[in-house]
Amino acid sequence: MSDFIYRCSQCGREYEITPDRMVCEDCSADQSADEPLRGILEVVNRRGVPADWSIYDFLPVGREWFPPIPAGNTPLWEPTRLREQTGLPGLFLKDDSCNPTGSFKDRASALVAAYARREDIDRIVLASTGNAGSSMCGVGAAAGLQVRLYLPAAAPPAKLVQSLQYGADVIRVDGTYDEASAQAMAYIAEHGGLSRNTGHNPLTIEGKKTVSLEIFRQLGDRVPDYVFVSTGDGVILSGVYRGFEALVNAGVADHMPTMVAVQAEGSCAITRALREGGFTAPVPSRTVADSISVDVPAAGYFAADRLRRHEGRAVTVTDDAILAAQTELASGSGLFAEPAAAAAWAGVAALRGELDADATVVVLITGSGLKDIDSAKRAVGL
């Protein structure tokens, strides 16, 4: 029996990890297309981890299957000027724009690619607003995998060009991410392939937990007080939670950080659900931060549950605040982030008066500003 299994985050039912198992069949029965995924599966490590653990001890695929592309191991900046400006000497920036394709999504893509290689699957299919798609295309190129990407026509040109450069089969969709996702799933049903749709494939959350393991190690085996995470579909937030939960469950850490989910005011389904006590009819999203623009958050139930369970926070910020944060972050630290990533910094500004001066605060920067030059031009008045 494998050391790793899937366990439903809602009902607790356990499953073997197989290519066709994506969600809990009980909890996802009669799943509505206009609500977040039910029955998201978590990877459970029944083996435990050694005292001298590495990140691979927490993952269900061995190191030998990972493609030769350096995903993860990104720097934790100590931004002197921003520390002085905010009065937060314990402020850190986790810079995932340093990943090979310029975004945090390489963490999930690397695990999905490793699993595909182990299972002898040669085709990955997904929908994306940009970063997940370009990431899977780049990691797939390194791994020798075919990638079929459904990309909304409104995605920033840089992300389209990047995906095409990697040699992927890109289908431009005249519609939203949700429509692109439906087309990707329809293709898989007819032609096969491994889904890398965000949240749908459990490994997209599990791959992202590696950032928490790195932060813990980079802080000297210490859990930060706060982690600010830009949030759209809730999958990155869920992954960060899963990482710290894994550390606690393994007895490596003894408590969780306070997570702050930062959402654009025009795309805040998770924040709204927390406020109203549940998810209601989707509201069309509208924000300059394309990577966190989503009508139906795939991991909405999972993310909201973790925020409640671990007493996290959720805050919304305006597009103007996001663009201002992008410029402030770049000019104050030298880190040029795309709007979706800069939203996390806008969240720090929104809650600055509530943070203890001696708190250890980590801001997760999920993507490079070069991903969306048009928004950056707007921020500086060009």
Protein backbone atom coordinates (compact mmCIF):
# COMPACT_ATOMS: atom_id res chain seq x y z
CA MET A 1 0.00 0.00 0.00
CA SER A 2 1.30 3.46 -0.90
CA ASP A 3 2.60 5.83 1.77
CA PHE A 4 0.47 8.56 0.21
CA ILE A 5 -3.29 8.57 -0.34
CA TYR A 6 -6.04 11.06 -1.15
CA ARG A 7 -8.51 12.04 1.56
CA CYS A 8 -11.66 14.09 0.94
CA SER A 9 -11.47 17.45 2.67
CA GLN A 10 -15.21 17.34 3.36
CA CYS A 11 -16.25 13.79 4.25
CA GLY A 12 -12.90 12.14 4.96
CA ARG A 13 -13.29 9.30 2.46
CA GLU A 14 -9.93 7.93 1.31
CA TYR A 15 -8.84 7.03 -2.22
CA GLU A 16 -5.80 5.64 -3.96
CA ILE A 17 -3.91 8.27 -5.94
CA THR A 18 -4.72 7.49 -9.58
CA PRO A 19 -4.71 9.61 -12.78
CA ASP A 20 -8.50 9.55 -13.07
CA ARG A 21 -9.24 10.45 -9.44
CA MET A 22 -9.74 14.20 -9.15
CA VAL A 23 -12.50 14.85 -6.59
CA CYS A 24 -14.50 12.86 -4.04
CA GLU A 25 -17.23 11.04 -5.94
CA ASP A 26 -19.64 11.31 -3.01
CA CYS A 27 -19.23 15.01 -2.25
CA SER A 28 -19.03 16.07 -5.90
CA ALA A 29 -22.20 14.24 -6.94
CA ASP A 30 -24.62 16.63 -8.64
CA GLN A 31 -21.95 19.33 -8.62
CA SER A 32 -23.31 22.58 -10.00
CA ALA A 33 -21.26 24.39 -12.63
CA ASP A 34 -21.75 27.73 -10.88
CA GLU A 35 -20.37 26.77 -7.47
CA PRO A 36 -16.87 25.99 -6.15
CA LEU A 37 -15.60 22.43 -6.30
CA ARG A 38 -16.95 20.09 -3.65
CA GLY A 39 -14.92 17.20 -2.30
CA ILE A 40 -11.43 18.53 -2.99
CA LEU A 41 -8.90 15.81 -2.17
CA GLU A 42 -5.91 16.31 0.11
CA VAL A 43 -2.74 14.25 -0.09
CA VAL A 44 -2.11 12.41 3.19
CA ASN A 45 1.36 11.18 4.09
CA ARG A 46 0.97 8.03 6.17
CA ARG A 47 4.70 7.43 6.39
CA GLY A 48 5.72 10.53 8.29
CA VAL A 49 8.92 12.47 7.62
CA PRO A 50 12.47 12.00 8.94
CA ALA A 51 14.15 14.47 11.27
CA ASP A 52 16.38 15.64 8.43
CA TRP A 53 13.42 16.07 6.08
CA SER A 54 13.48 17.59 2.64
CA ILE A 55 10.58 19.02 0.67
CA TYR A 56 10.31 15.78 -1.34
CA ASP A 57 9.44 13.88 1.86
CA PHE A 58 6.12 15.73 1.82
CA LEU A 59 5.29 14.99 -1.82
CA PRO A 60 3.61 11.88 -3.31
CA VAL A 61 6.05 11.63 -6.23
CA GLY A 62 9.75 10.87 -5.87
CA ARG A 63 12.45 13.39 -6.71
CA GLU A 64 13.64 11.26 -9.65
CA TRP A 65 10.44 11.94 -11.64
CA PHE A 66 10.62 15.73 -11.52
CA PRO A 67 11.56 17.44 -14.79
CA PRO A 68 14.94 19.19 -15.12
CA ILE A 69 13.64 22.68 -14.48
CA PRO A 70 14.42 24.52 -11.20
CA ALA A 71 10.94 25.22 -9.82
CA GLY A 72 10.82 26.47 -6.24
CA ASN A 73 13.73 27.37 -3.94
CA THR A 74 12.89 31.03 -4.47
CA PRO A 75 14.47 33.81 -2.39
CA LEU A 76 13.04 35.37 0.76
CA TRP A 77 13.86 39.06 0.49
CA GLU A 78 14.61 41.33 3.44
CA PRO A 79 13.44 44.69 2.01
CA THR A 80 15.24 47.29 4.12
CA ARG A 81 13.45 50.36 2.74
CA LEU A 82 9.98 48.84 2.97
CA ARG A 83 10.73 47.76 6.53
CA GLU A 84 11.63 51.33 7.39
CA GLN A 85 8.60 52.77 5.58
CA THR A 86 6.14 50.42 7.26
CA GLY A 87 7.76 50.16 10.67
CA LEU A 88 7.81 46.37 10.28
CA PRO A 89 11.39 45.15 10.84
CA GLY A 90 10.20 41.56 10.50
CA LEU A 91 8.85 42.06 6.97
CA PHE A 92 9.84 39.56 4.24
CA LEU A 93 8.97 39.16 0.54
CA LYS A 94 8.78 35.59 -0.77
CA ASP A 95 9.68 36.17 -4.41
CA ASP A 96 8.11 33.48 -6.57
CA SER A 97 8.48 35.64 -9.66
CA CYS A 98 11.95 34.02 -9.73
CA ASN A 99 10.49 30.70 -10.82
CA PRO A 100 11.52 29.58 -14.34
CA THR A 101 8.34 30.83 -16.08
CA GLY A 102 8.01 33.87 -13.84
CA SER A 103 5.23 32.70 -11.55
CA PHE A 104 4.32 30.70 -8.46
CA LYS A 105 2.40 28.24 -10.64
CA ASP A 106 5.60 26.37 -11.53
CA ARG A 107 5.37 24.61 -8.15
CA ALA A 108 2.10 22.91 -9.10
CA SER A 109 3.16 22.32 -12.71
CA ALA A 110 6.34 20.56 -11.60
CA LEU A 111 4.42 18.09 -9.41
CA VAL A 112 1.79 17.46 -12.09
CA ALA A 113 4.54 16.88 -14.67
CA ALA A 114 6.40 14.54 -12.32
CA TYR A 115 3.24 12.52 -11.73
CA ALA A 116 2.51 12.36 -15.47
CA ARG A 117 6.03 11.06 -16.14
CA ARG A 118 5.73 8.42 -13.42
CA GLU A 119 2.38 7.25 -14.79
CA ASP A 120 3.59 7.33 -18.42
CA ILE A 121 1.08 10.03 -19.44
CA ASP A 122 2.25 12.24 -22.29
CA ARG A 123 -0.51 14.87 -22.54
CA ILE A 124 -1.56 17.58 -20.06
CA VAL A 125 -4.75 19.60 -20.65
CA LEU A 126 -5.80 22.76 -18.81
CA ALA A 127 -7.53 26.10 -18.89
CA SER A 128 -5.88 29.22 -17.53
CA THR A 129 -6.13 33.01 -17.43
CA GLY A 130 -2.40 33.02 -18.11
CA ASN A 131 0.11 32.05 -15.43
CA ALA A 132 -0.94 28.45 -14.83
CA GLY A 133 -1.04 27.94 -18.58
CA SER A 134 2.33 29.44 -19.41
CA SER A 135 3.78 27.61 -16.42
CA MET A 136 2.49 24.20 -17.51
CA CYS A 137 3.65 24.88 -21.05
CA GLY A 138 7.17 25.72 -19.87
CA VAL A 139 7.47 22.86 -17.40
CA GLY A 140 5.91 20.54 -19.98
CA ALA A 141 8.57 21.56 -22.49
CA ALA A 142 11.29 20.63 -20.00
CA ALA A 143 9.55 17.32 -19.25
CA GLY A 144 8.86 16.38 -22.88
CA LEU A 145 5.09 16.47 -22.40
CA GLN A 146 2.39 17.64 -24.81
CA VAL A 147 0.39 20.52 -23.35
CA ARG A 148 -3.01 21.67 -24.62
CA LEU A 149 -4.00 25.05 -23.18
CA TYR A 150 -7.41 26.75 -23.32
CA LEU A 151 -6.73 30.45 -22.84
CA PRO A 152 -9.36 33.22 -22.61
CA ALA A 153 -8.85 35.80 -25.36
CA ALA A 154 -8.59 38.55 -22.73
CA ALA A 155 -5.41 37.06 -21.22
CA PRO A 156 -2.39 39.43 -21.34
CA PRO A 157 -0.42 39.06 -24.60
CA ALA A 158 2.82 38.25 -22.76
CA LYS A 159 1.27 35.11 -21.29
CA LEU A 160 -0.06 34.04 -24.70
CA VAL A 161 3.32 34.58 -26.38
CA GLN A 162 5.12 32.77 -23.58
CA SER A 163 2.87 29.70 -23.94
CA LEU A 164 3.35 29.64 -27.72
CA GLN A 165 7.12 29.95 -27.36
CA TYR A 166 7.12 26.78 -25.28
CA GLY A 167 5.53 24.93 -28.20
CA ALA A 168 2.15 24.24 -26.63
CA ASP A 169 -1.14 23.74 -28.45
CA VAL A 170 -2.98 26.94 -27.46
CA ILE A 171 -6.72 27.34 -28.07
CA ARG A 172 -7.95 30.90 -27.57
CA VAL A 173 -11.41 31.01 -26.03
CA ASP A 174 -13.78 33.90 -26.66
CA GLY A 175 -15.11 33.83 -23.11
CA THR A 176 -14.24 33.65 -19.43
CA TYR A 177 -11.93 31.30 -17.55
CA ASP A 178 -14.95 29.25 -16.51
CA GLU A 179 -15.88 28.73 -20.17
CA ALA A 180 -12.29 27.81 -21.02
CA SER A 181 -12.26 25.32 -18.15
CA ALA A 182 -15.46 23.68 -19.43
CA GLN A 183 -13.88 23.27 -22.86
CA ALA A 184 -10.73 21.75 -21.38
CA MET A 185 -12.75 19.23 -19.39
CA ALA A 186 -14.84 18.35 -22.44
CA TYR A 187 -11.65 17.68 -24.41
CA ILE A 188 -10.32 15.37 -21.70
CA ALA A 189 -13.61 13.47 -21.59
CA GLU A 190 -13.44 12.84 -25.34
CA HIS A 191 -9.72 12.50 -26.04
CA GLY A 192 -8.04 11.75 -22.71
CA GLY A 193 -5.06 13.39 -21.06
CA LEU A 194 -4.27 14.46 -17.51
CA SER A 195 -6.16 17.50 -16.21
CA ARG A 196 -4.07 20.27 -14.69
CA ASN A 197 -7.09 22.51 -14.19
CA THR A 198 -6.48 24.57 -11.10
CA GLY A 199 -8.05 23.01 -8.04
CA HIS A 200 -9.58 20.16 -10.04
CA ASN A 201 -6.39 18.13 -9.97
CA PRO A 202 -5.49 17.70 -6.26
CA LEU A 203 -1.80 17.91 -7.11
CA THR A 204 -2.19 21.59 -8.05
CA ILE A 205 -2.80 22.36 -4.38
CA GLU A 206 -0.24 19.89 -3.07
CA GLY A 207 2.52 21.23 -5.30
CA LYS A 208 1.91 24.72 -3.97
CA LYS A 209 2.41 23.71 -0.35
CA THR A 210 6.16 23.61 -1.00
CA VAL A 211 6.30 27.40 -0.58
CA SER A 212 5.31 27.06 3.08
CA LEU A 213 8.03 24.46 3.69
CA GLU A 214 10.59 26.82 2.15
CA ILE A 215 9.42 29.82 4.18
CA PHE A 216 9.68 27.76 7.38
CA ARG A 217 13.23 26.69 6.55
CA GLN A 218 14.30 30.15 5.38
CA LEU A 219 13.10 31.70 8.64
CA GLY A 220 15.29 29.30 10.60
CA ASP A 221 12.66 26.62 11.19
CA ARG A 222 10.14 29.16 12.38
CA VAL A 223 6.48 29.85 11.49
CA PRO A 224 5.80 33.49 10.56
CA ASP A 225 3.08 35.42 12.37
CA TYR A 226 1.35 36.51 9.16
CA VAL A 227 1.38 35.40 5.53
CA PHE A 228 -0.33 37.68 2.97
CA VAL A 229 -1.59 35.82 -0.10
CA SER A 230 -3.28 37.28 -3.19
CA THR A 231 -6.42 35.20 -3.66
CA GLY A 232 -8.71 34.52 -6.61
CA ASP A 233 -9.82 30.90 -6.94
CA GLY A 234 -8.39 30.06 -3.52
CA VAL A 235 -5.98 27.38 -4.73
CA ILE A 236 -2.75 29.18 -3.82
CA LEU A 237 -4.16 30.08 -0.41
CA SER A 238 -5.21 26.45 0.08
CA GLY A 239 -1.76 25.26 -0.91
CA VAL A 240 -0.05 27.59 1.56
CA TYR A 241 -2.37 26.33 4.27
CA ARG A 242 -1.64 22.71 3.31
CA GLY A 243 2.09 23.33 3.66
CA PHE A 244 1.89 24.68 7.18
CA GLU A 245 -0.65 22.00 8.12
CA ALA A 246 1.81 19.37 6.88
CA LEU A 247 4.52 20.81 9.12
CA VAL A 248 2.20 20.78 12.13
CA ASN A 249 0.91 17.27 11.40
CA ALA A 250 4.49 15.99 11.13
CA GLY A 251 5.37 17.54 14.48
CA VAL A 252 7.90 19.86 12.83
CA ALA A 253 5.96 23.03 13.70
CA ASP A 254 3.62 23.58 16.65
CA HIS A 255 1.24 26.23 15.32
CA MET A 256 -0.21 27.84 12.20
CA PRO A 257 0.42 31.37 10.95
CA THR A 258 -2.39 33.88 10.53
CA MET A 259 -3.14 33.80 6.83
CA VAL A 260 -4.49 36.92 5.14
CA ALA A 261 -6.38 36.33 1.88
CA VAL A 262 -6.22 39.50 -0.20
CA GLN A 263 -8.84 39.78 -2.94
CA ALA A 264 -9.55 42.40 -5.57
CA GLU A 265 -12.75 44.29 -4.79
CA GLY A 266 -14.07 43.26 -8.20
CA SER A 267 -13.35 39.56 -7.68
CA CYS A 268 -13.98 38.65 -4.05
CA ALA A 269 -16.24 35.59 -3.95
CA ILE A 270 -14.39 34.00 -1.01
CA THR A 271 -14.47 37.15 1.10
CA ARG A 272 -18.14 37.59 0.28
CA ALA A 273 -18.89 33.98 1.26
CA LEU A 274 -17.17 34.44 4.61
CA ARG A 275 -19.18 37.58 5.23
CA GLU A 276 -22.52 36.14 4.10
CA GLY A 277 -22.11 32.64 5.53
CA GLY A 278 -21.85 30.79 2.23
CA PHE A 279 -21.43 30.98 -1.53
CA THR A 280 -24.26 32.49 -3.53
CA ALA A 281 -24.85 33.07 -7.26
CA PRO A 282 -21.63 34.03 -9.09
CA VAL A 283 -20.89 37.71 -9.63
CA PRO A 284 -19.00 38.59 -12.85
CA SER A 285 -15.45 39.53 -11.91
CA ARG A 286 -13.83 42.74 -13.02
CA THR A 287 -10.30 43.62 -11.96
CA VAL A 288 -6.97 44.73 -13.39
CA ALA A 289 -5.41 41.74 -11.61
CA ASP A 290 -6.20 39.08 -14.21
CA SER A 291 -4.57 36.20 -12.34
CA ILE A 292 -6.99 36.56 -9.42
CA SER A 293 -10.03 37.39 -11.54
CA VAL A 294 -12.54 34.56 -11.28
CA ASP A 295 -16.32 34.31 -11.06
CA VAL A 296 -16.46 30.88 -9.39
CA PRO A 297 -13.44 30.14 -7.13
CA ALA A 298 -12.48 26.50 -7.71
CA ALA A 299 -11.17 25.99 -4.18
CA GLY A 300 -13.69 28.32 -2.59
CA TYR A 301 -15.13 25.85 -0.09
CA PHE A 302 -11.70 24.55 0.86
CA ALA A 303 -10.15 28.02 1.25
CA ALA A 304 -13.09 29.42 3.23
CA ASP A 305 -13.02 26.40 5.54
CA ARG A 306 -9.31 26.85 6.25
CA LEU A 307 -9.71 30.57 6.89
CA ARG A 308 -12.41 29.83 9.45
CA ARG A 309 -10.62 26.84 10.98
CA HIS A 310 -7.31 28.62 11.46
CA GLU A 311 -8.74 32.08 12.21
CA GLY A 312 -7.40 33.68 9.07
CA ARG A 313 -8.37 37.05 7.64
CA ALA A 314 -9.82 38.18 4.33
CA VAL A 315 -9.52 41.70 2.97
CA THR A 316 -10.48 43.35 -0.31
CA VAL A 317 -8.53 46.06 -2.11
CA THR A 318 -9.44 48.30 -5.03
CA ASP A 319 -7.76 48.23 -8.43
CA ASP A 320 -6.31 51.67 -7.71
CA ALA A 321 -4.81 50.32 -4.49
CA ILE A 322 -3.37 47.34 -6.38
CA LEU A 323 -1.69 49.52 -9.00
CA ALA A 324 -0.37 51.86 -6.31
CA ALA A 325 0.99 48.86 -4.43
CA GLN A 326 2.69 47.60 -7.60
CA THR A 327 4.61 50.87 -7.93
CA GLU A 328 5.32 51.15 -4.20
CA LEU A 329 6.67 47.62 -4.07
CA ALA A 330 8.89 48.11 -7.11
CA SER A 331 10.24 51.52 -6.12
CA GLY A 332 10.67 50.55 -2.47
CA SER A 333 12.34 47.17 -2.89
CA GLY A 334 13.29 46.60 -6.53
CA LEU A 335 10.75 43.79 -6.91
CA PHE A 336 8.52 44.30 -9.96
CA ALA A 337 5.34 42.29 -9.47
CA GLU A 338 2.29 41.82 -11.68
CA PRO A 339 -0.97 43.31 -10.34
CA ALA A 340 -2.26 40.02 -8.92
CA ALA A 341 0.95 39.61 -6.94
CA ALA A 342 1.02 43.26 -5.86
CA ALA A 343 -2.46 42.80 -4.39
CA ALA A 344 -0.82 41.01 -1.46
CA TRP A 345 1.24 44.12 -0.75
CA ALA A 346 -1.91 46.24 -0.99
CA GLY A 347 -3.32 43.97 1.73
CA VAL A 348 -0.43 44.86 4.03
CA ALA A 349 -1.22 48.54 3.53
CA ALA A 350 -4.89 47.89 4.30
CA LEU A 351 -4.12 46.15 7.60
CA ARG A 352 -0.94 47.98 8.59
CA GLY A 353 -2.53 49.56 11.66
CA GLU A 354 -3.51 46.14 13.00
CA LEU A 355 -0.10 44.46 12.72
CA ASP A 356 2.21 44.33 15.74
CA ALA A 357 5.49 46.13 15.12
CA ASP A 358 7.49 43.04 16.10
CA ALA A 359 5.46 40.62 13.93
CA THR A 360 7.12 38.42 11.34
CA VAL A 361 5.20 39.20 8.14
CA VAL A 362 5.73 37.30 4.87
CA VAL A 363 4.20 38.69 1.67
CA LEU A 364 3.93 36.12 -1.11
CA ILE A 365 4.78 37.61 -4.51
CA THR A 366 3.32 35.25 -7.08
CA GLY A 367 4.28 36.64 -10.49
CA SER A 368 6.59 38.96 -12.42
CA GLY A 369 5.46 42.40 -13.55
CA LEU A 370 6.75 41.53 -17.01
CA LYS A 371 3.73 39.23 -17.33
CA ASP A 372 1.39 42.19 -17.82
CA ILE A 373 3.12 45.31 -19.13
CA ASP A 374 -0.12 47.06 -20.12
CA SER A 375 -1.28 47.24 -16.50
CA ALA A 376 2.16 48.39 -15.40
CA LYS A 377 2.06 51.19 -18.00
CA ARG A 378 -1.26 52.31 -16.59
CA ALA A 379 0.21 52.37 -13.08
CA VAL A 380 2.95 54.80 -14.13
CA GLY A 381 0.74 56.95 -16.34
CA LEU A 382 1.89 55.79 -19.79
